[in-house]
Amino acid sequence: MMNRFPFRTLTAITFILFLGIVFCAQLVMASATSSTPVDVATGQVNFKLLKENSGAILTVSGEGDAYFSRHFEKGVDPVFYLKDNFGGIFPDGTCVYELRVLPLLDQETQKLLSQFRSMENSGEKVQFNKNPAADEGAYQTGTFFIENGRVTFSSDNAGNPGSDKDISDGKAADIVHNDDVIITFSLCVGNDCVNGESFGFDTLRLKENNLRIHFSDTSVSASFPTNDWRITINDSSNGGANYFGIDDASSGRRPFTIEAGAPASTLYVEADGDVGIKTANPVVDLHIVEGNTPTLRLEQDGSDGFTPQTWDIAGNEANFFIRDVTNGSELPFKIRPGADDDRIDLEADNDIRFNAGKIYFKSDGKIGVGTDSPAFNLEIEDADKPVIVLDRPSGAQAYINATSNSGNVGTVNAFPMRFQAGANLVMTLNTDGTVDMADGGSYDGNWNGASSRELKENIEKLSYKNALHALKKLDPVVYNYKNDSEPRVGFIAEDVPELVASKSRKNISSMDIVATLT
């Protein structure tokens, strides 16, 4: 049977292919920045961007913990004033800079990137692939030297490697061996090797002012790999950096660098594949050791067209945290040391448990406290006495609770309970057991209907004739309520005369009856 791709998957694949073509084209337009001119002025370093772009990110690291990073907006050439992110002066010594130029994207490409991110965030299985060579020129790195507040950039002092060779008859004194060469002791190569060289335990020594080992692959068949590689030791220029580097000589890039002075075990790979950073004894796949807050940084630099964003994942004796570096270094997530098991549990059905299941957020929006199966928007279960308390430290404490035989609403301390409809007060339960209604009525053992002149209008004398007419139509009866067998004496609301009847004809005001009788 033929396997078929779902239509949604085919659409995603088509979209990604189109996005890759458009995006790579945009990067190529902004890629010719690999030779960005660098201008040194007293107390600052200026970078001139040659091509159109949407901005640039410049980072500089110096001696110790000196660090500078800034995002420059479109149309602004990057500049470094020899100060760190906090305004401190950079110390003297070698500095390494990185300049990342952000591509200039048209609205259509920005729309495609937004659609891609939306598909990715919705769980769509998509992958963004870009041409690895497309952003080659959008990245530039180099070194400069600070001394007494002044900057020195590379100026070639390399001379001509090999210029001290013995020359005779106008030709270099090359020696060619047409057979294997075996040296049973040590070998020194370079202009500065001397007779009687002290090798110690060295088998091979390179000794001169420019040290390089080049691997030149001379394969000519198209099916064979031909890339050239080079091991480079230190810059060959004044003010350059001290390092061990592996260069991709064919592309002119350096993918691997170790700076001089790097601490012991900066990168350590054990036989079982565990990787240690600043430790020779990694116990897990990736083990990072640092004296103060070991940190992993995740930096989206904007080179793919997405908005730059940087996150830190770190931990110390105070907490494990995630830091939003881009937005004020806020810490939206923390875990304190000593937290018990199962404090946060994200389940397969998208339910979330907190505090070992004592608080439960269901995927349908219901919240359970003390239960993992809340039937209501908020359900609290407690075998003793579940309670919700609203506590204002400088005022009242209100609560709702349930006991074995009742549900309760009240205040913890001696404050009245008020009931409101919107912003309007309806009823107040006072601490002495009395009740006040918003319309002026009250209860203090007897029900007192509101009767203040301030609450009334259209006041007229009740005529004797109207009172007598209503009185004749009052028909008292003996009855009991359906939920209470105790006999009572009173009136039927539907049968009383209009003068004393309520609008709903379901209740009677005793005050109206008394007024008629008097």
Protein backbone atom coordinates (compact mmCIF):
# COMPACT_ATOMS: atom_id res chain seq x y z
CA MET A 1 0.00 0.00 0.00
CA MET A 2 1.31 3.44 -0.88
CA ASN A 3 2.05 5.69 2.10
CA ARG A 4 0.58 9.14 1.71
CA PHE A 5 1.68 12.41 3.25
CA PRO A 6 -1.18 14.32 4.94
CA PHE A 7 -2.13 17.44 3.06
CA ARG A 8 -1.08 19.57 6.06
CA THR A 9 2.41 18.03 5.99
CA LEU A 10 2.80 18.62 2.24
CA THR A 11 1.75 22.23 2.75
CA ALA A 12 4.36 22.66 5.49
CA ILE A 13 7.10 21.13 3.31
CA THR A 14 6.22 23.40 0.37
CA PHE A 15 6.18 26.41 2.69
CA ILE A 16 9.59 25.59 4.19
CA LEU A 17 11.19 25.11 0.75
CA PHE A 18 9.84 28.46 -0.41
CA LEU A 19 10.92 30.13 2.82
CA GLY A 20 14.44 28.73 2.47
CA ILE A 21 14.80 30.03 -1.10
CA VAL A 22 13.57 33.52 -0.25
CA PHE A 23 15.47 33.76 3.02
CA CYS A 24 18.77 32.57 1.55
CA ALA A 25 18.44 35.17 -1.20
CA GLN A 26 17.93 37.85 1.43
CA LEU A 27 21.01 36.73 3.33
CA VAL A 28 23.16 36.79 0.21
CA MET A 29 22.12 40.41 -0.36
CA ALA A 30 23.39 41.31 3.11
CA SER A 31 26.34 38.96 3.17
CA ALA A 32 29.13 41.02 1.71
CA THR A 33 30.25 42.29 5.10
CA SER A 34 33.18 39.96 5.75
CA SER A 35 35.57 42.83 5.05
CA THR A 36 33.80 45.36 7.26
CA PRO A 37 36.29 48.23 7.71
CA VAL A 38 37.48 48.79 11.27
CA ASP A 39 38.59 52.29 12.28
CA VAL A 40 40.54 52.92 15.47
CA ALA A 41 40.21 56.28 17.14
CA THR A 42 41.48 57.38 20.53
CA GLY A 43 39.31 55.64 23.10
CA GLN A 44 36.98 53.89 20.65
CA VAL A 45 36.69 51.34 17.83
CA ASN A 46 34.37 52.10 14.89
CA PHE A 47 32.92 49.53 12.47
CA LYS A 48 31.65 50.66 9.06
CA LEU A 49 28.89 48.46 7.60
CA LEU A 50 29.19 48.35 3.81
CA LYS A 51 25.85 46.79 2.84
CA GLU A 52 22.22 47.39 3.69
CA ASN A 53 21.08 45.59 6.84
CA SER A 54 18.46 45.66 9.58
CA GLY A 55 21.00 46.24 12.35
CA ALA A 56 24.02 44.61 13.93
CA ILE A 57 25.10 42.99 17.20
CA LEU A 58 28.59 43.72 18.50
CA THR A 59 30.12 41.78 21.38
CA VAL A 60 33.58 42.31 22.85
CA SER A 61 35.29 40.25 25.56
CA GLY A 62 38.48 41.36 27.28
CA GLU A 63 40.78 40.42 30.12
CA GLY A 64 39.09 38.88 33.16
CA ASP A 65 35.30 39.23 33.05
CA ALA A 66 35.25 42.37 30.88
CA TYR A 67 32.31 42.05 28.47
CA PHE A 68 30.37 44.35 26.14
CA SER A 69 27.32 43.53 24.04
CA ARG A 70 24.97 45.86 22.19
CA HIS A 71 22.35 45.69 19.47
CA PHE A 72 22.69 48.57 16.99
CA GLU A 73 19.59 49.60 15.06
CA LYS A 74 19.34 49.85 11.28
CA GLY A 75 21.44 52.68 9.89
CA VAL A 76 23.72 52.91 12.95
CA ASP A 77 27.34 51.80 12.54
CA PRO A 78 28.60 49.85 15.58
CA VAL A 79 31.07 51.58 17.89
CA PHE A 80 32.92 50.36 20.98
CA TYR A 81 33.99 53.00 23.55
CA LEU A 82 36.27 50.67 25.57
CA LYS A 83 33.60 50.32 28.28
CA ASP A 84 31.68 47.27 29.48
CA ASN A 85 27.90 46.91 29.76
CA PHE A 86 27.93 48.65 33.15
CA GLY A 87 30.10 51.60 32.12
CA GLY A 88 33.34 50.21 33.55
CA ILE A 89 36.59 50.82 31.68
CA PHE A 90 37.95 47.80 29.79
CA PRO A 91 41.32 46.69 31.22
CA ASP A 92 44.49 46.65 29.15
CA GLY A 93 45.10 43.47 27.17
CA THR A 94 43.85 41.51 24.18
CA CYS A 95 40.17 41.80 23.25
CA VAL A 96 38.15 39.53 20.98
CA TYR A 97 35.21 41.00 19.07
CA GLU A 98 32.29 39.44 17.19
CA LEU A 99 30.18 41.43 14.74
CA ARG A 100 26.93 39.89 13.52
CA VAL A 101 25.11 41.80 10.79
CA LEU A 102 21.36 41.19 10.72
CA PRO A 103 19.84 40.59 7.26
CA LEU A 104 17.54 43.13 5.66
CA LEU A 105 14.25 41.30 5.08
CA ASP A 106 11.32 42.52 3.03
CA GLN A 107 7.76 42.32 4.39
CA GLU A 108 7.00 39.10 2.51
CA THR A 109 9.98 37.30 4.05
CA GLN A 110 9.11 38.63 7.51
CA LYS A 111 5.59 37.29 7.02
CA LEU A 112 6.95 33.87 6.03
CA LEU A 113 9.19 33.78 9.10
CA SER A 114 6.23 34.66 11.30
CA GLN A 115 4.16 31.89 9.71
CA PHE A 116 7.00 29.42 10.25
CA ARG A 117 7.27 30.32 13.94
CA SER A 118 3.48 30.03 14.34
CA MET A 119 3.52 26.56 12.76
CA GLU A 120 6.42 25.54 15.00
CA ASN A 121 4.76 26.83 18.18
CA SER A 122 1.49 25.05 17.34
CA GLY A 123 3.26 21.69 17.32
CA GLU A 124 3.60 21.33 13.54
CA LYS A 125 6.59 19.13 12.72
CA VAL A 126 8.58 21.61 10.62
CA GLN A 127 12.28 22.33 10.26
CA PHE A 128 13.92 25.51 9.07
CA ASN A 129 16.95 24.80 6.86
CA LYS A 130 19.15 27.57 5.56
CA ASN A 131 22.11 27.50 3.22
CA PRO A 132 25.17 27.20 5.52
CA ALA A 133 27.16 29.51 3.26
CA ALA A 134 24.46 32.16 3.04
CA ASP A 135 25.43 34.01 6.22
CA GLU A 136 29.18 33.65 5.75
CA GLY A 137 29.68 37.36 5.37
CA ALA A 138 27.16 38.31 8.05
CA TYR A 139 29.64 37.34 10.77
CA GLN A 140 33.07 38.78 11.46
CA THR A 141 35.46 38.23 14.34
CA GLY A 142 38.89 39.52 15.20
CA THR A 143 41.14 40.86 17.93
CA PHE A 144 42.65 44.14 19.05
CA PHE A 145 44.88 45.21 21.92
CA ILE A 146 44.17 47.89 24.54
CA GLU A 147 47.12 49.64 26.16
CA ASN A 148 46.75 52.76 28.33
CA GLY A 149 43.34 53.52 26.85
CA ARG A 150 44.52 53.25 23.25
CA VAL A 151 43.67 50.52 20.74
CA THR A 152 46.13 48.70 18.50
CA PHE A 153 44.85 46.61 15.60
CA SER A 154 46.73 44.05 13.56
CA SER A 155 49.69 45.40 11.62
CA ASP A 156 51.74 42.73 9.88
CA ASN A 157 55.08 41.98 11.49
CA ALA A 158 55.22 38.46 10.20
CA GLY A 159 58.02 39.08 7.76
CA ASN A 160 58.56 36.46 5.11
CA PRO A 161 58.43 32.95 6.59
CA GLY A 162 61.35 30.93 5.33
CA SER A 163 63.35 33.98 4.23
CA ASP A 164 66.41 32.77 6.13
CA LYS A 165 66.85 29.72 3.88
CA ASP A 166 70.21 29.21 2.27
CA ILE A 167 69.95 30.51 -1.32
CA SER A 168 72.42 29.53 -4.03
CA ASP A 169 72.22 30.09 -7.77
CA GLY A 170 68.95 32.00 -7.22
CA LYS A 171 67.09 28.94 -6.07
CA ALA A 172 65.84 27.89 -2.61
CA ALA A 173 67.88 25.10 -1.10
CA ASP A 174 65.03 22.58 -1.08
CA ILE A 175 65.82 18.99 -0.18
CA VAL A 176 63.71 16.28 -1.81
CA HIS A 177 63.72 12.67 -0.58
CA ASN A 178 62.31 10.13 -2.99
CA ASP A 179 62.00 7.49 -0.28
CA ASP A 180 60.65 7.17 3.25
CA VAL A 181 62.39 9.34 5.84
CA ILE A 182 62.80 7.94 9.34
CA ILE A 183 64.17 10.08 12.16
CA THR A 184 64.96 8.02 15.22
CA PHE A 185 65.24 11.00 17.56
CA SER A 186 63.49 14.38 17.63
CA LEU A 187 62.87 16.83 14.80
CA CYS A 188 62.85 20.65 14.95
CA VAL A 189 61.36 22.61 12.05
CA GLY A 190 61.55 26.39 11.69
CA ASN A 191 63.87 29.36 11.25
CA ASP A 192 64.75 29.53 14.92
CA CYS A 193 65.88 25.91 15.46
CA VAL A 194 69.47 25.80 16.72
CA ASN A 195 72.25 23.27 16.72
CA GLY A 196 72.04 21.33 19.97
CA GLU A 197 68.30 22.04 20.42
CA SER A 198 67.12 20.78 23.83
CA PHE A 199 64.01 18.72 23.03
CA GLY A 200 63.14 17.35 26.44
CA PHE A 201 60.38 14.84 25.70
CA ASP A 202 59.29 16.59 22.50
CA THR A 203 59.35 14.40 19.40
CA LEU A 204 58.45 17.18 16.94
CA ARG A 205 59.02 20.89 17.53
CA LEU A 206 58.00 23.86 15.37
CA LYS A 207 60.10 26.90 16.20
CA GLU A 208 59.81 30.33 14.60
CA ASN A 209 57.68 33.49 14.77
CA ASN A 210 54.86 32.16 12.52
CA LEU A 211 53.66 28.64 13.26
CA ARG A 212 51.32 26.84 10.88
CA ILE A 213 50.67 23.24 9.81
CA HIS A 214 48.77 22.99 6.55
CA PHE A 215 46.91 19.90 5.27
CA SER A 216 46.52 20.23 1.49
CA ASP A 217 44.31 17.58 -0.10
CA THR A 218 45.30 17.25 -3.77
CA SER A 219 42.46 14.93 -4.80
CA VAL A 220 41.23 15.78 -8.29
CA SER A 221 38.29 13.42 -8.76
CA ALA A 222 34.92 15.03 -8.15
CA SER A 223 33.87 12.10 -5.98
CA PHE A 224 36.75 12.54 -3.49
CA PRO A 225 36.88 15.10 -0.65
CA THR A 226 39.33 17.94 -1.32
CA ASN A 227 38.97 20.34 1.60
CA ASP A 228 42.20 21.81 3.02
CA TRP A 229 42.79 22.32 6.75
CA ARG A 230 45.34 24.22 8.82
CA ILE A 231 46.50 24.30 12.43
CA THR A 232 47.35 27.89 13.34
CA ILE A 233 49.25 28.98 16.43
CA ASN A 234 48.78 32.64 17.43
CA ASP A 235 48.14 35.68 15.26
CA SER A 236 51.07 36.82 13.14
CA SER A 237 50.42 40.50 13.75
CA ASN A 238 51.14 43.11 16.40
CA GLY A 239 48.41 43.19 19.04
CA GLY A 240 47.03 39.86 17.88
CA ALA A 241 45.69 37.02 20.00
CA ASN A 242 47.46 34.01 21.49
CA TYR A 243 45.58 30.83 20.62
CA PHE A 244 45.57 27.34 19.13
CA GLY A 245 43.22 27.24 16.15
CA ILE A 246 41.99 24.77 13.57
CA ASP A 247 41.16 26.50 10.28
CA ASP A 248 38.98 25.36 7.41
CA ALA A 249 41.57 26.60 4.93
CA SER A 250 39.35 26.11 1.89
CA SER A 251 36.59 28.36 3.22
CA GLY A 252 38.75 30.71 5.26
CA ARG A 253 36.87 30.04 8.51
CA ARG A 254 38.14 29.02 11.93
CA PRO A 255 35.62 26.68 13.62
CA PHE A 256 37.79 25.81 16.64
CA THR A 257 39.89 28.07 18.90
CA ILE A 258 41.58 27.66 22.28
CA GLU A 259 42.81 30.93 23.77
CA ALA A 260 46.03 31.06 25.75
CA GLY A 261 45.40 31.05 29.48
CA ALA A 262 42.26 28.92 29.29
CA PRO A 263 41.83 27.07 32.62
CA ALA A 264 42.67 23.40 33.02
CA SER A 265 40.01 20.98 31.74
CA THR A 266 38.13 23.77 29.95
CA LEU A 267 36.83 21.04 27.64
CA TYR A 268 37.25 17.40 28.69
CA VAL A 269 35.78 14.40 26.85
CA GLU A 270 35.77 11.11 28.75
CA ALA A 271 36.00 7.68 27.18
CA ASP A 272 32.26 7.09 27.66
CA GLY A 273 31.39 10.33 25.84
CA ASP A 274 30.68 12.48 28.90
CA VAL A 275 31.79 16.08 28.32
CA GLY A 276 33.20 18.23 31.10
CA ILE A 277 33.49 22.01 31.02
CA LYS A 278 36.11 23.10 33.59
CA THR A 279 36.17 19.60 35.07
CA ALA A 280 38.15 16.44 34.30
CA ASN A 281 35.56 14.25 35.99
CA PRO A 282 32.23 14.71 34.19
CA VAL A 283 29.58 12.39 35.64
CA VAL A 284 26.76 13.13 33.17
CA ASP A 285 26.57 13.79 29.43
CA LEU A 286 27.39 17.49 29.90
CA HIS A 287 28.90 18.58 33.22
CA ILE A 288 29.65 22.28 33.88
CA VAL A 289 31.69 23.40 36.89
CA GLU A 290 32.02 27.05 37.95
CA GLY A 291 32.80 28.73 41.26
CA ASN A 292 29.88 31.14 40.97
CA THR A 293 26.60 30.36 39.20
CA PRO A 294 27.39 27.95 36.31
CA THR A 295 25.30 29.16 33.39
CA LEU A 296 24.15 28.00 29.96
CA ARG A 297 23.24 30.81 27.54
CA LEU A 298 20.77 30.40 24.66
CA GLU A 299 21.18 33.34 22.27
CA GLN A 300 19.10 33.88 19.15
CA ASP A 301 21.21 36.55 17.44
CA GLY A 302 18.84 37.63 14.66
CA SER A 303 21.01 36.30 11.83
CA ASP A 304 18.14 34.12 10.58
CA GLY A 305 15.71 37.02 10.54
CA PHE A 306 13.95 36.26 13.81
CA THR A 307 13.88 38.82 16.64
CA PRO A 308 17.02 38.59 18.82
CA GLN A 309 16.35 37.00 22.21
CA THR A 310 18.70 35.69 24.89
CA TRP A 311 17.94 33.32 27.78
CA ASP A 312 20.19 32.07 30.57
CA ILE A 313 19.69 28.80 32.43
CA ALA A 314 21.70 28.89 35.64
CA GLY A 315 21.92 27.67 39.21
CA ASN A 316 23.62 28.50 42.51
CA GLU A 317 23.14 28.08 46.25
CA ALA A 318 20.12 30.43 46.19
CA ASN A 319 18.09 28.99 43.32
CA PHE A 320 17.92 27.36 39.90
CA PHE A 321 16.53 29.95 37.51
CA ILE A 322 15.80 30.99 33.95
CA ARG A 323 16.84 34.56 33.16
CA ASP A 324 15.34 36.69 30.38
CA VAL A 325 18.53 38.57 29.49
CA THR A 326 16.94 40.56 26.67
CA ASN A 327 14.18 42.02 28.85
CA GLY A 328 15.97 43.44 31.85
CA SER A 329 17.42 40.11 33.08
CA GLU A 330 14.15 39.28 34.82
CA LEU A 331 13.86 35.83 36.46
CA PRO A 332 10.43 34.42 35.49
CA PHE A 333 11.20 30.93 36.83
CA LYS A 334 12.95 29.80 40.02
CA ILE A 335 13.40 26.59 42.03
CA ARG A 336 14.81 26.90 45.54
CA PRO A 337 17.31 24.36 46.93
CA GLY A 338 15.72 21.71 49.12
CA ALA A 339 12.41 21.60 47.26
CA ASP A 340 10.72 18.21 47.73
CA ASP A 341 9.97 15.67 45.02
CA ASP A 342 7.14 16.21 42.58
CA ARG A 343 6.73 19.95 43.22
CA ILE A 344 5.86 20.57 39.55
CA ASP A 345 4.59 17.73 37.35
CA LEU A 346 3.52 18.26 33.72
CA GLU A 347 1.46 15.22 32.78
CA ALA A 348 0.96 13.68 29.34
CA ASP A 349 -2.66 14.88 29.15
CA ASN A 350 -1.50 18.49 29.80
CA ASP A 351 -2.68 18.45 33.41
CA ILE A 352 -0.30 20.22 35.81
CA ARG A 353 0.32 19.10 39.38
CA PHE A 354 1.94 21.27 42.03
CA ASN A 355 3.21 20.35 45.49
CA ALA A 356 2.88 16.57 45.00
CA GLY A 357 -0.65 16.84 43.69
CA LYS A 358 -1.99 19.15 46.41
CA ILE A 359 -2.74 21.71 43.70
CA TYR A 360 -3.97 20.45 40.35
CA PHE A 361 -4.59 22.39 37.13
CA LYS A 362 -6.70 20.39 34.70
CA SER A 363 -6.35 20.86 30.96
CA ASP A 364 -10.03 21.94 30.83
CA GLY A 365 -9.29 24.92 33.11
CA LYS A 366 -10.59 23.45 36.39
CA ILE A 367 -8.42 23.83 39.51
CA GLY A 368 -8.30 21.31 42.31
CA VAL A 369 -6.77 21.82 45.76
CA GLY A 370 -6.42 18.52 47.57
CA THR A 371 -7.99 16.67 44.65
CA ASP A 372 -6.75 15.58 41.23
CA SER A 373 -10.25 15.42 39.74
CA PRO A 374 -11.97 18.76 40.33
CA ALA A 375 -15.56 18.83 39.10
CA PHE A 376 -15.87 22.61 39.39
CA ASN A 377 -13.85 25.63 38.30
CA LEU A 378 -12.30 25.67 41.80
CA GLU A 379 -12.70 22.69 44.12
CA ILE A 380 -11.03 22.36 47.52
CA GLU A 381 -11.01 19.04 49.36
CA ASP A 382 -9.83 18.56 52.94
CA ALA A 383 -10.84 15.80 55.34
CA ASP A 384 -10.73 18.22 58.27
CA LYS A 385 -12.19 21.61 57.32
CA PRO A 386 -11.45 23.08 53.88
CA VAL A 387 -11.28 26.84 54.05
CA ILE A 388 -10.51 29.83 51.84
CA VAL A 389 -9.28 32.93 53.68
CA LEU A 390 -8.93 36.41 52.19
CA ASP A 391 -6.45 38.20 54.44
CA ARG A 392 -5.69 41.90 54.39
CA PRO A 393 -2.93 42.32 57.01
CA SER A 394 -4.10 45.79 58.00
CA GLY A 395 -7.83 45.01 57.84
CA ALA A 396 -10.46 42.31 57.77
CA GLN A 397 -10.03 38.57 57.15
CA ALA A 398 -12.90 36.93 55.27
CA TYR A 399 -13.36 33.18 54.90
CA ILE A 400 -15.45 30.47 53.27
CA ASN A 401 -15.30 26.98 54.78
CA ALA A 402 -17.18 23.72 55.08
CA THR A 403 -17.61 21.49 58.15
CA SER A 404 -19.23 18.09 58.55
CA ASN A 405 -22.70 19.61 58.76
CA SER A 406 -22.60 23.15 57.38
CA GLY A 407 -21.10 25.61 54.96
CA ASN A 408 -19.90 28.90 56.45
CA VAL A 409 -19.14 32.41 55.25
CA GLY A 410 -17.83 35.07 57.59
CA THR A 411 -14.95 37.10 58.95
CA VAL A 412 -12.12 35.72 61.06
CA ASN A 413 -11.84 38.85 63.20
CA ALA A 414 -14.55 41.25 64.40
CA PHE A 415 -15.54 42.94 61.16
CA PRO A 416 -19.00 43.11 59.56
CA MET A 417 -19.88 41.10 56.44
CA ARG A 418 -21.15 43.12 53.49
CA PHE A 419 -22.97 41.84 50.42
CA GLN A 420 -22.79 43.84 47.21
CA ALA A 421 -24.29 43.71 43.72
CA GLY A 422 -21.59 45.18 41.52
CA ALA A 423 -20.46 48.36 43.27
CA ASN A 424 -23.75 48.73 45.18
CA LEU A 425 -24.07 47.69 48.83
CA VAL A 426 -27.12 45.47 49.40
CA MET A 427 -26.89 44.13 52.96
CA THR A 428 -24.59 44.27 55.99
CA LEU A 429 -24.33 41.60 58.72
CA ASN A 430 -23.06 43.41 61.81
CA THR A 431 -20.85 41.87 64.49
CA ASP A 432 -23.70 42.18 67.07
CA GLY A 433 -26.00 39.96 64.98
CA THR A 434 -28.12 42.77 63.56
CA VAL A 435 -28.77 43.23 59.85
CA ASP A 436 -28.87 46.47 57.88
CA MET A 437 -30.36 46.65 54.40
CA ALA A 438 -29.35 49.21 51.81
CA ASP A 439 -32.99 50.37 51.51
CA GLY A 440 -33.08 51.32 55.21
CA GLY A 441 -34.64 48.15 56.61
CA SER A 442 -33.02 46.35 59.53
CA TYR A 443 -33.28 43.37 61.84
CA ASP A 444 -32.50 43.44 65.57
CA GLY A 445 -34.66 40.57 66.79
CA ASN A 446 -37.62 42.04 64.97
CA TRP A 447 -37.82 42.93 61.33
CA ASN A 448 -37.99 46.70 60.88
CA GLY A 449 -39.14 47.82 57.47
CA ALA A 450 -37.66 50.95 55.96
CA SER A 451 -40.02 53.86 56.72
CA SER A 452 -37.94 57.04 56.82
CA ARG A 453 -39.39 60.13 55.19
CA GLU A 454 -36.05 60.48 53.38
CA LEU A 455 -36.84 57.28 51.49
CA LYS A 456 -40.35 58.28 50.40
CA GLU A 457 -42.10 60.60 47.95
CA ASN A 458 -45.69 61.39 46.84
CA ILE A 459 -46.80 61.26 50.50
CA GLU A 460 -50.63 61.70 50.98
CA LYS A 461 -53.14 61.06 53.78
CA LEU A 462 -54.97 57.72 53.54
CA SER A 463 -58.68 58.49 53.42
CA TYR A 464 -61.05 56.79 55.84
CA LYS A 465 -63.11 55.59 52.88
CA ASN A 466 -60.18 53.84 51.15
CA ALA A 467 -58.97 52.30 54.40
CA LEU A 468 -62.40 50.98 55.27
CA HIS A 469 -62.82 49.57 51.76
CA ALA A 470 -59.51 47.70 51.99
CA LEU A 471 -60.24 46.53 55.52
CA LYS A 472 -63.52 44.95 54.46
CA LYS A 473 -61.69 42.95 51.81
CA LEU A 474 -59.03 41.59 54.15
CA ASP A 475 -59.85 37.93 54.71
CA PRO A 476 -57.68 36.40 57.46
CA VAL A 477 -57.10 32.64 57.30
CA VAL A 478 -55.52 29.85 59.33
CA TYR A 479 -52.78 27.90 57.47
CA ASN A 480 -49.37 26.25 57.65
CA TYR A 481 -46.44 26.36 55.21
CA LYS A 482 -45.78 23.27 53.11
CA ASN A 483 -42.37 22.79 54.68
CA ASP A 484 -43.62 23.47 58.22
CA SER A 485 -46.68 21.92 59.94
CA GLU A 486 -47.03 24.63 62.60
CA PRO A 487 -50.44 26.45 62.30
CA ARG A 488 -50.31 30.15 61.51
CA VAL A 489 -52.76 33.06 61.10
CA GLY A 490 -52.43 35.53 58.26
CA PHE A 491 -53.47 36.52 54.78
CA ILE A 492 -53.08 35.10 51.27
CA ALA A 493 -51.01 37.52 49.16
CA GLU A 494 -53.01 36.85 45.99
CA ASP A 495 -56.31 37.63 47.82
CA VAL A 496 -55.59 40.91 49.65
CA PRO A 497 -57.02 44.17 48.25
CA GLU A 498 -55.01 46.22 45.80
CA LEU A 499 -54.21 48.85 48.42
CA VAL A 500 -51.95 46.52 50.41
CA ALA A 501 -50.90 44.10 47.67
CA SER A 502 -47.31 43.80 46.41
CA LYS A 503 -46.42 44.06 42.74
CA SER A 504 -45.58 40.35 42.54
CA ARG A 505 -48.64 39.26 44.53
CA LYS A 506 -46.38 36.79 46.34
CA ASN A 507 -45.76 38.65 49.63
CA ILE A 508 -47.38 41.20 51.95
CA SER A 509 -45.94 44.15 53.86
CA SER A 510 -47.08 44.00 57.49
CA MET A 511 -46.56 47.76 57.70
CA ASP A 512 -49.15 48.29 54.96
CA ILE A 513 -51.69 46.16 56.88
CA VAL A 514 -51.03 48.06 60.12
CA ALA A 515 -51.46 51.40 58.38
CA THR A 516 -54.84 50.26 57.03
CA LEU A 517 -56.01 49.07 60.45
CA THR A 518 -55.11 52.36 62.11
